[in-house]
PDB file of all heavy atoms in Angstrom:
ATOM      1  N   LYS A   1      -8.154  10.668 -10.633  1.00  0.00           N
ATOM      2  CA  LYS A   1      -8.935  11.729 -11.279  1.00  0.00           C
ATOM      3  C   LYS A   1     -10.205  12.076 -10.498  1.00  0.00           C
ATOM      4  O   LYS A   1     -10.787  13.138 -10.682  1.00  0.00           O
ATOM      5  CB  LYS A   1      -9.285  11.325 -12.719  1.00  0.00           C
ATOM      6  CG  LYS A   1      -8.052  11.322 -13.630  1.00  0.00           C
ATOM      7  CD  LYS A   1      -8.404  10.945 -15.058  1.00  0.00           C
ATOM      8  CE  LYS A   1      -7.200  11.079 -15.985  1.00  0.00           C
ATOM      9  NZ  LYS A   1      -6.120  10.141 -15.664  1.00  0.00           N
ATOM     10  N   LYS A   2     -10.628  11.171  -9.602  1.00  0.00           N
ATOM     11  CA  LYS A   2     -11.885  11.421  -8.877  1.00  0.00           C
ATOM     12  C   LYS A   2     -11.755  11.367  -7.353  1.00  0.00           C
ATOM     13  O   LYS A   2     -12.327  12.196  -6.659  1.00  0.00           O
ATOM     14  CB  LYS A   2     -12.946  10.385  -9.310  1.00  0.00           C
ATOM     15  CG  LYS A   2     -13.465  10.607 -10.729  1.00  0.00           C
ATOM     16  CD  LYS A   2     -14.586   9.622 -11.030  1.00  0.00           C
ATOM     17  CE  LYS A   2     -15.194   9.883 -12.408  1.00  0.00           C
ATOM     18  NZ  LYS A   2     -16.255   8.903 -12.719  1.00  0.00           N
ATOM     19  N   ASN A   3     -11.013  10.365  -6.823  1.00  0.00           N
ATOM     20  CA  ASN A   3     -11.204  10.081  -5.397  1.00  0.00           C
ATOM     21  C   ASN A   3     -10.209  10.733  -4.418  1.00  0.00           C
ATOM     22  O   ASN A   3     -10.148  10.343  -3.252  1.00  0.00           O
ATOM     23  CB  ASN A   3     -11.315   8.564  -5.159  1.00  0.00           C
ATOM     24  CG  ASN A   3      -9.985   7.830  -5.221  1.00  0.00           C
ATOM     25  OD1 ASN A   3      -8.912   8.439  -5.215  1.00  0.00           O
ATOM     26  ND2 ASN A   3     -10.041   6.503  -5.272  1.00  0.00           N
ATOM     27  N   HIS A   4      -9.419  11.724  -4.885  1.00  0.00           N
ATOM     28  CA  HIS A   4      -8.565  12.508  -3.982  1.00  0.00           C
ATOM     29  C   HIS A   4      -7.479  11.685  -3.289  1.00  0.00           C
ATOM     30  O   HIS A   4      -6.918  12.127  -2.288  1.00  0.00           O
ATOM     31  CB  HIS A   4      -9.408  13.248  -2.925  1.00  0.00           C
ATOM     32  CG  HIS A   4     -10.135  14.434  -3.457  1.00  0.00           C
ATOM     33  ND1 HIS A   4     -10.273  15.622  -2.780  1.00  0.00           N
ATOM     34  CD2 HIS A   4     -10.785  14.630  -4.641  1.00  0.00           C
ATOM     35  CE1 HIS A   4     -10.972  16.489  -3.494  1.00  0.00           C
ATOM     36  NE2 HIS A   4     -11.295  15.897  -4.632  1.00  0.00           N
ATOM     37  N   HIS A   5      -7.195  10.486  -3.788  1.00  0.00           N
ATOM     38  CA  HIS A   5      -6.134   9.636  -3.237  1.00  0.00           C
ATOM     39  C   HIS A   5      -5.084   9.379  -4.314  1.00  0.00           C
ATOM     40  O   HIS A   5      -5.416   9.280  -5.499  1.00  0.00           O
ATOM     41  CB  HIS A   5      -6.691   8.278  -2.777  1.00  0.00           C
ATOM     42  CG  HIS A   5      -7.505   8.342  -1.521  1.00  0.00           C
ATOM     43  ND1 HIS A   5      -8.723   8.994  -1.453  1.00  0.00           N
ATOM     44  CD2 HIS A   5      -7.290   7.812  -0.283  1.00  0.00           C
ATOM     45  CE1 HIS A   5      -9.218   8.863  -0.218  1.00  0.00           C
ATOM     46  NE2 HIS A   5      -8.358   8.158   0.500  1.00  0.00           N
ATOM     47  N   LEU A   6      -3.847   9.192  -3.872  1.00  0.00           N
ATOM     48  CA  LEU A   6      -2.786   8.822  -4.805  1.00  0.00           C
ATOM     49  C   LEU A   6      -2.850   7.335  -5.136  1.00  0.00           C
ATOM     50  O   LEU A   6      -3.212   6.514  -4.286  1.00  0.00           O
ATOM     51  CB  LEU A   6      -1.411   9.113  -4.188  1.00  0.00           C
ATOM     52  CG  LEU A   6      -1.027  10.577  -3.968  1.00  0.00           C
ATOM     53  CD1 LEU A   6       0.329  10.655  -3.283  1.00  0.00           C
ATOM     54  CD2 LEU A   6      -1.014  11.351  -5.267  1.00  0.00           C
ATOM     55  N   HIS A   7      -2.481   6.991  -6.364  1.00  0.00           N
ATOM     56  CA  HIS A   7      -2.212   5.592  -6.712  1.00  0.00           C
ATOM     57  C   HIS A   7      -0.802   5.316  -6.197  1.00  0.00           C
ATOM     58  O   HIS A   7       0.138   6.030  -6.558  1.00  0.00           O
ATOM     59  CB  HIS A   7      -2.268   5.389  -8.228  1.00  0.00           C
ATOM     60  CG  HIS A   7      -3.629   5.641  -8.817  1.00  0.00           C
ATOM     61  ND1 HIS A   7      -4.030   5.118 -10.016  1.00  0.00           N
ATOM     62  CD2 HIS A   7      -4.706   6.358  -8.368  1.00  0.00           C
ATOM     63  CE1 HIS A   7      -5.280   5.497 -10.291  1.00  0.00           C
ATOM     64  NE2 HIS A   7      -5.700   6.255  -9.297  1.00  0.00           N
ATOM     65  N   LYS A   8      -0.656   4.283  -5.350  1.00  0.00           N
ATOM     66  CA  LYS A   8       0.634   4.088  -4.668  1.00  0.00           C
ATOM     67  C   LYS A   8       1.115   2.637  -4.752  1.00  0.00           C
ATOM     68  O   LYS A   8       0.295   1.718  -4.677  1.00  0.00           O
ATOM     69  CB  LYS A   8       0.510   4.468  -3.180  1.00  0.00           C
ATOM     70  CG  LYS A   8       0.219   5.950  -2.955  1.00  0.00           C
ATOM     71  CD  LYS A   8      -0.057   6.273  -1.511  1.00  0.00           C
ATOM     72  CE  LYS A   8       1.211   6.390  -0.693  1.00  0.00           C
ATOM     73  NZ  LYS A   8       1.860   7.704  -0.795  1.00  0.00           N
ATOM     74  N   PRO A   9       2.440   2.431  -4.851  1.00  0.00           N
ATOM     75  CA  PRO A   9       2.970   1.070  -4.734  1.00  0.00           C
ATOM     76  C   PRO A   9       2.960   0.658  -3.259  1.00  0.00           C
ATOM     77  O   PRO A   9       2.912   1.519  -2.376  1.00  0.00           O
ATOM     78  CB  PRO A   9       4.410   1.206  -5.240  1.00  0.00           C
ATOM     79  CG  PRO A   9       4.784   2.616  -4.877  1.00  0.00           C
ATOM     80  CD  PRO A   9       3.515   3.431  -4.984  1.00  0.00           C
ATOM     81  N   VAL A  10       2.999  -0.638  -2.989  1.00  0.00           N
ATOM     82  CA  VAL A  10       3.066  -1.135  -1.608  1.00  0.00           C
ATOM     83  C   VAL A  10       4.374  -1.909  -1.441  1.00  0.00           C
ATOM     84  O   VAL A  10       4.723  -2.732  -2.289  1.00  0.00           O
ATOM     85  CB  VAL A  10       1.876  -2.073  -1.282  1.00  0.00           C
ATOM     86  CG1 VAL A  10       1.890  -2.449   0.200  1.00  0.00           C
ATOM     87  CG2 VAL A  10       0.547  -1.421  -1.652  1.00  0.00           C
ATOM     88  N   PHE A  11       5.078  -1.614  -0.351  1.00  0.00           N
ATOM     89  CA  PHE A  11       6.327  -2.317  -0.023  1.00  0.00           C
ATOM     90  C   PHE A  11       6.215  -2.903   1.378  1.00  0.00           C
ATOM     91  O   PHE A  11       5.712  -2.238   2.292  1.00  0.00           O
ATOM     92  CB  PHE A  11       7.519  -1.351  -0.025  1.00  0.00           C
ATOM     93  CG  PHE A  11       7.795  -0.685  -1.346  1.00  0.00           C
ATOM     94  CD1 PHE A  11       7.262   0.566  -1.629  1.00  0.00           C
ATOM     95  CD2 PHE A  11       8.591  -1.303  -2.301  1.00  0.00           C
ATOM     96  CE1 PHE A  11       7.515   1.199  -2.848  1.00  0.00           C
ATOM     97  CE2 PHE A  11       8.852  -0.678  -3.516  1.00  0.00           C
ATOM     98  CZ  PHE A  11       8.319   0.565  -3.793  1.00  0.00           C
ATOM     99  N   ILE A  12       6.681  -4.127   1.552  1.00  0.00           N
ATOM    100  CA  ILE A  12       6.823  -4.693   2.900  1.00  0.00           C
ATOM    101  C   ILE A  12       8.315  -4.871   3.143  1.00  0.00           C
ATOM    102  O   ILE A  12       9.027  -5.457   2.312  1.00  0.00           O
ATOM    103  CB  ILE A  12       6.053  -6.016   3.041  1.00  0.00           C
ATOM    104  CG1 ILE A  12       4.541  -5.735   2.898  1.00  0.00           C
ATOM    105  CG2 ILE A  12       6.338  -6.677   4.398  1.00  0.00           C
ATOM    106  CD1 ILE A  12       3.669  -6.954   2.852  1.00  0.00           C
ATOM    107  N   GLY A  13       8.772  -4.315   4.257  1.00  0.00           N
ATOM    108  CA  GLY A  13      10.202  -4.357   4.558  1.00  0.00           C
ATOM    109  C   GLY A  13      10.476  -5.042   5.880  1.00  0.00           C
ATOM    110  O   GLY A  13       9.677  -4.963   6.812  1.00  0.00           O
ATOM    111  N   GLU A  14      11.610  -5.720   5.945  1.00  0.00           N
ATOM    112  CA  GLU A  14      12.093  -6.341   7.183  1.00  0.00           C
ATOM    113  C   GLU A  14      13.081  -5.396   7.856  1.00  0.00           C
ATOM    114  O   GLU A  14      13.940  -4.808   7.190  1.00  0.00           O
ATOM    115  CB  GLU A  14      12.863  -7.627   6.861  1.00  0.00           C
ATOM    116  CG  GLU A  14      12.016  -8.847   6.715  1.00  0.00           C
ATOM    117  CD  GLU A  14      12.880 -10.105   6.502  1.00  0.00           C
ATOM    118  OE1 GLU A  14      14.101  -9.999   6.299  1.00  0.00           O
ATOM    119  OE2 GLU A  14      12.295 -11.186   6.542  1.00  0.00           O
ATOM    120  N   VAL A  15      12.965  -5.265   9.184  1.00  0.00           N
ATOM    121  CA  VAL A  15      13.918  -4.449   9.937  1.00  0.00           C
ATOM    122  C   VAL A  15      15.304  -5.085   9.837  1.00  0.00           C
ATOM    123  O   VAL A  15      15.464  -6.295  10.013  1.00  0.00           O
ATOM    124  CB  VAL A  15      13.504  -4.343  11.428  1.00  0.00           C
ATOM    125  CG1 VAL A  15      14.531  -3.537  12.221  1.00  0.00           C
ATOM    126  CG2 VAL A  15      12.125  -3.706  11.565  1.00  0.00           C
ATOM    127  N   LYS A  16      16.301  -4.229   9.549  1.00  0.00           N
ATOM    128  CA  LYS A  16      17.694  -4.680   9.539  1.00  0.00           C
ATOM    129  C   LYS A  16      18.370  -4.193  10.823  1.00  0.00           C
ATOM    130  O   LYS A  16      17.835  -3.344  11.535  1.00  0.00           O
ATOM    131  CB  LYS A  16      18.433  -4.113   8.313  1.00  0.00           C
ATOM    132  CG  LYS A  16      17.838  -4.576   6.983  1.00  0.00           C
ATOM    133  CD  LYS A  16      18.793  -4.348   5.809  1.00  0.00           C
ATOM    134  CE  LYS A  16      19.208  -2.916   5.642  1.00  0.00           C
ATOM    135  NZ  LYS A  16      20.069  -2.692   4.476  1.00  0.00           N
ATOM    136  N   ALA A  17      19.557  -4.714  11.108  1.00  0.00           N
ATOM    137  CA  ALA A  17      20.255  -4.374  12.358  1.00  0.00           C
ATOM    138  C   ALA A  17      20.566  -2.877  12.465  1.00  0.00           C
ATOM    139  O   ALA A  17      20.691  -2.342  13.564  1.00  0.00           O
ATOM    140  CB  ALA A  17      21.543  -5.191  12.481  1.00  0.00           C
ATOM    141  N   ASP A  18      20.668  -2.194  11.316  1.00  0.00           N
ATOM    142  CA  ASP A  18      20.994  -0.755  11.346  1.00  0.00           C
ATOM    143  C   ASP A  18      19.758   0.142  11.389  1.00  0.00           C
ATOM    144  O   ASP A  18      19.863   1.365  11.268  1.00  0.00           O
ATOM    145  CB  ASP A  18      21.865  -0.388  10.135  1.00  0.00           C
ATOM    146  CG  ASP A  18      21.152  -0.605   8.793  1.00  0.00           C
ATOM    147  OD1 ASP A  18      19.992  -1.102   8.792  1.00  0.00           O
ATOM    148  OD2 ASP A  18      21.744  -0.290   7.747  1.00  0.00           O
ATOM    149  N   GLY A  19      18.559  -0.461  11.548  1.00  0.00           N
ATOM    150  CA  GLY A  19      17.333   0.336  11.640  1.00  0.00           C
ATOM    151  C   GLY A  19      16.739   0.707  10.288  1.00  0.00           C
ATOM    152  O   GLY A  19      15.735   1.405  10.219  1.00  0.00           O
ATOM    153  N   GLN A  20      17.350   0.214   9.217  1.00  0.00           N
ATOM    154  CA  GLN A  20      16.782   0.396   7.879  1.00  0.00           C
ATOM    155  C   GLN A  20      15.915  -0.825   7.545  1.00  0.00           C
ATOM    156  O   GLN A  20      15.785  -1.743   8.360  1.00  0.00           O
ATOM    157  CB  GLN A  20      17.908   0.560   6.849  1.00  0.00           C
ATOM    158  CG  GLN A  20      18.598   1.920   6.921  1.00  0.00           C
ATOM    159  CD  GLN A  20      17.704   3.056   6.452  1.00  0.00           C
ATOM    160  OE1 GLN A  20      16.962   2.935   5.484  1.00  0.00           O
ATOM    161  NE2 GLN A  20      17.767   4.185   7.151  1.00  0.00           N
ATOM    162  N   PHE A  21      15.307  -0.824   6.356  1.00  0.00           N
ATOM    163  CA  PHE A  21      14.411  -1.909   5.964  1.00  0.00           C
ATOM    164  C   PHE A  21      14.882  -2.562   4.669  1.00  0.00           C
ATOM    165  O   PHE A  21      15.266  -1.872   3.730  1.00  0.00           O
ATOM    166  CB  PHE A  21      12.974  -1.383   5.767  1.00  0.00           C
ATOM    167  CG  PHE A  21      12.302  -0.976   7.044  1.00  0.00           C
ATOM    168  CD1 PHE A  21      12.437   0.315   7.544  1.00  0.00           C
ATOM    169  CD2 PHE A  21      11.536  -1.882   7.767  1.00  0.00           C
ATOM    170  CE1 PHE A  21      11.812   0.700   8.723  1.00  0.00           C
ATOM    171  CE2 PHE A  21      10.911  -1.512   8.945  1.00  0.00           C
ATOM    172  CZ  PHE A  21      11.053  -0.221   9.427  1.00  0.00           C
ATOM    173  N   ASN A  22      14.811  -3.877   4.654  1.00  0.00           N
ATOM    174  CA  ASN A  22      15.091  -4.646   3.451  1.00  0.00           C
ATOM    175  C   ASN A  22      13.747  -5.053   2.840  1.00  0.00           C
ATOM    176  O   ASN A  22      12.954  -5.736   3.493  1.00  0.00           O
ATOM    177  CB  ASN A  22      15.920  -5.887   3.822  1.00  0.00           C
ATOM    178  CG  ASN A  22      16.155  -6.785   2.633  1.00  0.00           C
ATOM    179  OD1 ASN A  22      16.463  -6.306   1.548  1.00  0.00           O
ATOM    180  ND2 ASN A  22      15.975  -8.079   2.822  1.00  0.00           N
ATOM    181  N   VAL A  23      13.470  -4.607   1.614  1.00  0.00           N
ATOM    182  CA  VAL A  23      12.168  -4.892   0.986  1.00  0.00           C
ATOM    183  C   VAL A  23      12.074  -6.372   0.650  1.00  0.00           C
ATOM    184  O   VAL A  23      12.909  -6.913  -0.078  1.00  0.00           O
ATOM    185  CB  VAL A  23      11.959  -4.026  -0.274  1.00  0.00           C
ATOM    186  CG1 VAL A  23      10.670  -4.424  -0.991  1.00  0.00           C
ATOM    187  CG2 VAL A  23      11.905  -2.544   0.104  1.00  0.00           C
ATOM    188  N   VAL A  24      11.049  -7.050   1.195  1.00  0.00           N
ATOM    189  CA  VAL A  24      10.872  -8.495   0.960  1.00  0.00           C
ATOM    190  C   VAL A  24       9.690  -8.783   0.034  1.00  0.00           C
ATOM    191  O   VAL A  24       9.556  -9.892  -0.483  1.00  0.00           O
ATOM    192  CB  VAL A  24      10.688  -9.270   2.292  1.00  0.00           C
ATOM    193  CG1 VAL A  24      11.966  -9.223   3.115  1.00  0.00           C
ATOM    194  CG2 VAL A  24       9.501  -8.724   3.108  1.00  0.00           C
ATOM    195  N   TRP A  25       8.837  -7.769  -0.163  1.00  0.00           N
ATOM    196  CA  TRP A  25       7.672  -7.959  -1.042  1.00  0.00           C
ATOM    197  C   TRP A  25       7.230  -6.592  -1.531  1.00  0.00           C
ATOM    198  O   TRP A  25       7.308  -5.602  -0.801  1.00  0.00           O
ATOM    199  CB  TRP A  25       6.533  -8.620  -0.258  1.00  0.00           C
ATOM    200  CG  TRP A  25       5.304  -8.893  -1.079  1.00  0.00           C
ATOM    201  CD1 TRP A  25       5.027 -10.020  -1.804  1.00  0.00           C
ATOM    202  CD2 TRP A  25       4.171  -8.018  -1.273  1.00  0.00           C
ATOM    203  NE1 TRP A  25       3.808  -9.894  -2.432  1.00  0.00           N
ATOM    204  CE2 TRP A  25       3.260  -8.684  -2.124  1.00  0.00           C
ATOM    205  CE3 TRP A  25       3.851  -6.739  -0.815  1.00  0.00           C
ATOM    206  CZ2 TRP A  25       2.045  -8.111  -2.521  1.00  0.00           C
ATOM    207  CZ3 TRP A  25       2.647  -6.154  -1.211  1.00  0.00           C
ATOM    208  CH2 TRP A  25       1.752  -6.851  -2.055  1.00  0.00           C
ATOM    209  N   LYS A  26       6.773  -6.523  -2.781  1.00  0.00           N
ATOM    210  CA  LYS A  26       6.236  -5.266  -3.297  1.00  0.00           C
ATOM    211  C   LYS A  26       5.244  -5.544  -4.409  1.00  0.00           C
ATOM    212  O   LYS A  26       5.276  -6.612  -5.039  1.00  0.00           O
ATOM    213  CB  LYS A  26       7.353  -4.347  -3.800  1.00  0.00           C
ATOM    214  CG  LYS A  26       8.161  -4.914  -4.944  1.00  0.00           C
ATOM    215  CD  LYS A  26       9.282  -3.953  -5.349  1.00  0.00           C
ATOM    216  CE  LYS A  26      10.087  -4.524  -6.504  1.00  0.00           C
ATOM    217  NZ  LYS A  26      11.165  -3.628  -6.928  1.00  0.00           N
ATOM    218  N   THR A  27       4.365  -4.578  -4.640  1.00  0.00           N
ATOM    219  CA  THR A  27       3.442  -4.688  -5.778  1.00  0.00           C
ATOM    220  C   THR A  27       4.230  -4.334  -7.049  1.00  0.00           C
ATOM    221  O   THR A  27       5.219  -3.597  -6.977  1.00  0.00           O
ATOM    222  CB  THR A  27       2.244  -3.723  -5.627  1.00  0.00           C
ATOM    223  OG1 THR A  27       2.749  -2.387  -5.398  1.00  0.00           O
ATOM    224  CG2 THR A  27       1.343  -4.121  -4.494  1.00  0.00           C
ATOM    225  N   PRO A  28       3.798  -4.848  -8.213  1.00  0.00           N
ATOM    226  CA  PRO A  28       4.525  -4.534  -9.455  1.00  0.00           C
ATOM    227  C   PRO A  28       4.514  -3.038  -9.788  1.00  0.00           C
ATOM    228  O   PRO A  28       5.402  -2.539 -10.462  1.00  0.00           O
ATOM    229  CB  PRO A  28       3.772  -5.330 -10.534  1.00  0.00           C
ATOM    230  CG  PRO A  28       2.962  -6.349  -9.789  1.00  0.00           C
ATOM    231  CD  PRO A  28       2.673  -5.769  -8.452  1.00  0.00           C
ATOM    232  N   GLY A  29       3.499  -2.323  -9.306  1.00  0.00           N
ATOM    233  CA  GLY A  29       3.400  -0.887  -9.577  1.00  0.00           C
ATOM    234  C   GLY A  29       2.381  -0.254  -8.652  1.00  0.00           C
ATOM    235  O   GLY A  29       1.873  -0.910  -7.732  1.00  0.00           O
ATOM    236  N   PRO A  30       2.051   1.025  -8.865  1.00  0.00           N
ATOM    237  CA  PRO A  30       1.071   1.699  -8.009  1.00  0.00           C
ATOM    238  C   PRO A  30      -0.317   1.070  -8.131  1.00  0.00           C
ATOM    239  O   PRO A  30      -0.705   0.607  -9.210  1.00  0.00           O
ATOM    240  CB  PRO A  30       1.059   3.138  -8.550  1.00  0.00           C
ATOM    241  CG  PRO A  30       2.355   3.286  -9.283  1.00  0.00           C
ATOM    242  CD  PRO A  30       2.661   1.934  -9.853  1.00  0.00           C
ATOM    243  N   ILE A  31      -1.043   1.039  -7.001  1.00  0.00           N
ATOM    244  CA  ILE A  31      -2.417   0.534  -7.034  1.00  0.00           C
ATOM    245  C   ILE A  31      -3.377   1.640  -6.579  1.00  0.00           C
ATOM    246  O   ILE A  31      -3.018   2.506  -5.790  1.00  0.00           O
ATOM    247  CB  ILE A  31      -2.607  -0.755  -6.196  1.00  0.00           C
ATOM    248  CG1 ILE A  31      -2.229  -0.550  -4.733  1.00  0.00           C
ATOM    249  CG2 ILE A  31      -1.818  -1.898  -6.768  1.00  0.00           C
ATOM    250  CD1 ILE A  31      -2.538  -1.745  -3.849  1.00  0.00           C
ATOM    251  N   LYS A  32      -4.579   1.590  -7.109  1.00  0.00           N
ATOM    252  CA  LYS A  32      -5.583   2.613  -6.817  1.00  0.00           C
ATOM    253  C   LYS A  32      -6.142   2.424  -5.412  1.00  0.00           C
ATOM    254  O   LYS A  32      -6.395   1.298  -4.980  1.00  0.00           O
ATOM    255  CB  LYS A  32      -6.707   2.516  -7.863  1.00  0.00           C
ATOM    256  CG  LYS A  32      -7.798   3.548  -7.683  1.00  0.00           C
ATOM    257  CD  LYS A  32      -8.887   3.429  -8.741  1.00  0.00           C
ATOM    258  CE  LYS A  32     -10.057   4.329  -8.387  1.00  0.00           C
ATOM    259  NZ  LYS A  32     -11.068   4.422  -9.419  1.00  0.00           N
ATOM    260  N   ALA A  33      -6.357   3.530  -4.721  1.00  0.00           N
ATOM    261  CA  ALA A  33      -6.907   3.477  -3.360  1.00  0.00           C
ATOM    262  C   ALA A  33      -8.398   3.146  -3.371  1.00  0.00           C
ATOM    263  O   ALA A  33      -9.127   3.546  -4.282  1.00  0.00           O
ATOM    264  CB  ALA A  33      -6.699   4.821  -2.668  1.00  0.00           C
ATOM    265  N   GLN A  34      -8.822   2.421  -2.335  1.00  0.00           N
ATOM    266  CA  GLN A  34     -10.261   2.186  -2.092  1.00  0.00           C
ATOM    267  C   GLN A  34     -10.619   2.898  -0.779  1.00  0.00           C
ATOM    268  O   GLN A  34     -10.462   2.327   0.300  1.00  0.00           O
ATOM    269  CB  GLN A  34     -10.551   0.691  -1.947  1.00  0.00           C
ATOM    270  CG  GLN A  34     -10.368  -0.106  -3.222  1.00  0.00           C
ATOM    271  CD  GLN A  34     -10.595  -1.594  -2.976  1.00  0.00           C
ATOM    272  OE1 GLN A  34     -10.210  -2.147  -1.946  1.00  0.00           O
ATOM    273  NE2 GLN A  34     -11.212  -2.260  -3.939  1.00  0.00           N
ATOM    274  N   PRO A  35     -11.093   4.140  -0.860  1.00  0.00           N
ATOM    275  CA  PRO A  35     -11.439   4.843   0.381  1.00  0.00           C
ATOM    276  C   PRO A  35     -12.534   4.123   1.167  1.00  0.00           C
ATOM    277  O   PRO A  35     -12.531   4.127   2.391  1.00  0.00           O
ATOM    278  CB  PRO A  35     -11.939   6.210  -0.102  1.00  0.00           C
ATOM    279  CG  PRO A  35     -11.440   6.348  -1.499  1.00  0.00           C
ATOM    280  CD  PRO A  35     -11.309   4.974  -2.047  1.00  0.00           C
ATOM    281  N   TRP A  36     -13.484   3.498   0.450  1.00  0.00           N
ATOM    282  CA  TRP A  36     -14.565   2.755   1.102  1.00  0.00           C
ATOM    283  C   TRP A  36     -14.237   1.266   0.992  1.00  0.00           C
ATOM    284  O   TRP A  36     -14.255   0.694  -0.081  1.00  0.00           O
ATOM    285  CB  TRP A  36     -15.911   3.042   0.432  1.00  0.00           C
ATOM    286  CG  TRP A  36     -16.241   4.509   0.361  1.00  0.00           C
ATOM    287  CD1 TRP A  36     -16.305   5.285  -0.744  1.00  0.00           C
ATOM    288  CD2 TRP A  36     -16.548   5.374   1.464  1.00  0.00           C
ATOM    289  NE1 TRP A  36     -16.630   6.579  -0.415  1.00  0.00           N
ATOM    290  CE2 TRP A  36     -16.791   6.667   0.935  1.00  0.00           C
ATOM    291  CE3 TRP A  36     -16.651   5.185   2.855  1.00  0.00           C
ATOM    292  CZ2 TRP A  36     -17.123   7.761   1.730  1.00  0.00           C
ATOM    293  CZ3 TRP A  36     -16.980   6.281   3.644  1.00  0.00           C
ATOM    294  CH2 TRP A  36     -17.215   7.542   3.091  1.00  0.00           C
ATOM    295  N   SER A  37     -13.910   0.637   2.114  1.00  0.00           N
ATOM    296  CA  SER A  37     -13.469  -0.764   2.067  1.00  0.00           C
ATOM    297  C   SER A  37     -14.592  -1.688   1.613  1.00  0.00           C
ATOM    298  O   SER A  37     -15.718  -1.616   2.130  1.00  0.00           O
ATOM    299  CB  SER A  37     -12.989  -1.212   3.449  1.00  0.00           C
ATOM    300  OG  SER A  37     -12.699  -2.602   3.406  1.00  0.00           O
ATOM    301  N   PRO A  38     -14.297  -2.593   0.681  1.00  0.00           N
ATOM    302  CA  PRO A  38     -15.310  -3.560   0.249  1.00  0.00           C
ATOM    303  C   PRO A  38     -15.636  -4.586   1.340  1.00  0.00           C
ATOM    304  O   PRO A  38     -16.602  -5.332   1.219  1.00  0.00           O
ATOM    305  CB  PRO A  38     -14.657  -4.242  -0.967  1.00  0.00           C
ATOM    306  CG  PRO A  38     -13.195  -4.026  -0.796  1.00  0.00           C
ATOM    307  CD  PRO A  38     -13.031  -2.732  -0.067  1.00  0.00           C
ATOM    308  N   TYR A  39     -14.828  -4.630   2.423  1.00  0.00           N
ATOM    309  CA  TYR A  39     -15.086  -5.588   3.516  1.00  0.00           C
ATOM    310  C   TYR A  39     -16.076  -5.037   4.548  1.00  0.00           C
ATOM    311  O   TYR A  39     -16.431  -5.731   5.493  1.00  0.00           O
ATOM    312  CB  TYR A  39     -13.759  -5.989   4.189  1.00  0.00           C
ATOM    313  CG  TYR A  39     -12.848  -6.686   3.205  1.00  0.00           C
ATOM    314  CD1 TYR A  39     -11.796  -6.005   2.605  1.00  0.00           C
ATOM    315  CD2 TYR A  39     -13.094  -8.002   2.826  1.00  0.00           C
ATOM    316  CE1 TYR A  39     -10.984  -6.630   1.662  1.00  0.00           C
ATOM    317  CE2 TYR A  39     -12.293  -8.635   1.883  1.00  0.00           C
ATOM    318  CZ  TYR A  39     -11.248  -7.950   1.303  1.00  0.00           C
ATOM    319  OH  TYR A  39     -10.461  -8.570   0.357  1.00  0.00           O
ATOM    320  N   ILE A  40     -16.509  -3.795   4.367  1.00  0.00           N
ATOM    321  CA  ILE A  40     -17.538  -3.209   5.237  1.00  0.00           C
ATOM    322  C   ILE A  40     -18.853  -3.212   4.445  1.00  0.00           C
ATOM    323  O   ILE A  40     -18.996  -2.468   3.468  1.00  0.00           O
ATOM    324  CB  ILE A  40     -17.161  -1.758   5.647  1.00  0.00           C
ATOM    325  CG1 ILE A  40     -15.792  -1.711   6.327  1.00  0.00           C
ATOM    326  CG2 ILE A  40     -18.241  -1.124   6.512  1.00  0.00           C
ATOM    327  CD1 ILE A  40     -15.710  -2.262   7.716  1.00  0.00           C
ATOM    328  N   PRO A  41     -19.832  -4.060   4.834  1.00  0.00           N
ATOM    329  CA  PRO A  41     -21.060  -4.217   4.028  1.00  0.00           C
ATOM    330  C   PRO A  41     -21.791  -2.900   3.753  1.00  0.00           C
ATOM    331  O   PRO A  41     -22.334  -2.698   2.673  1.00  0.00           O
ATOM    332  CB  PRO A  41     -21.922  -5.163   4.868  1.00  0.00           C
ATOM    333  CG  PRO A  41     -20.967  -5.869   5.770  1.00  0.00           C
ATOM    334  CD  PRO A  41     -19.827  -4.937   6.014  1.00  0.00           C
ATOM    335  N   GLU A  42     -21.777  -1.985   4.730  1.00  0.00           N
ATOM    336  CA  GLU A  42     -22.505  -0.713   4.574  1.00  0.00           C
ATOM    337  C   GLU A  42     -21.940   0.155   3.444  1.00  0.00           C
ATOM    338  O   GLU A  42     -22.577   1.122   3.019  1.00  0.00           O
ATOM    339  CB  GLU A  42     -22.464   0.114   5.874  1.00  0.00           C
ATOM    340  CG  GLU A  42     -22.991  -0.580   7.094  1.00  0.00           C
ATOM    341  CD  GLU A  42     -21.901  -1.347   7.837  1.00  0.00           C
ATOM    342  OE1 GLU A  42     -21.228  -0.771   8.704  1.00  0.00           O
ATOM    343  OE2 GLU A  42     -21.739  -2.551   7.526  1.00  0.00           O
ATOM    344  N   ASN A  43     -20.744  -0.189   2.973  1.00  0.00           N
ATOM    345  CA  ASN A  43     -20.119   0.643   1.927  1.00  0.00           C
ATOM    346  C   ASN A  43     -20.628   0.337   0.524  1.00  0.00           C
ATOM    347  O   ASN A  43     -20.284   1.048  -0.423  1.00  0.00           O
ATOM    348  CB  ASN A  43     -18.591   0.473   1.943  1.00  0.00           C
ATOM    349  CG  ASN A  43     -17.969   1.166   3.145  1.00  0.00           C
ATOM    350  OD1 ASN A  43     -18.578   2.028   3.757  1.00  0.00           O
ATOM    351  ND2 ASN A  43     -16.744   0.783   3.475  1.00  0.00           N
TER     352      ASN A  43
END
């Protein structure tokens, strides 16, 4: 509603022999974006 970013799920996939990906980890649902990283002190 404010920060111009989509709430998105995250998937980690392993490369398969056919060039597709097998999902090995995912978030339970979409997560809100942090445009300003909390790991940058100036933010």
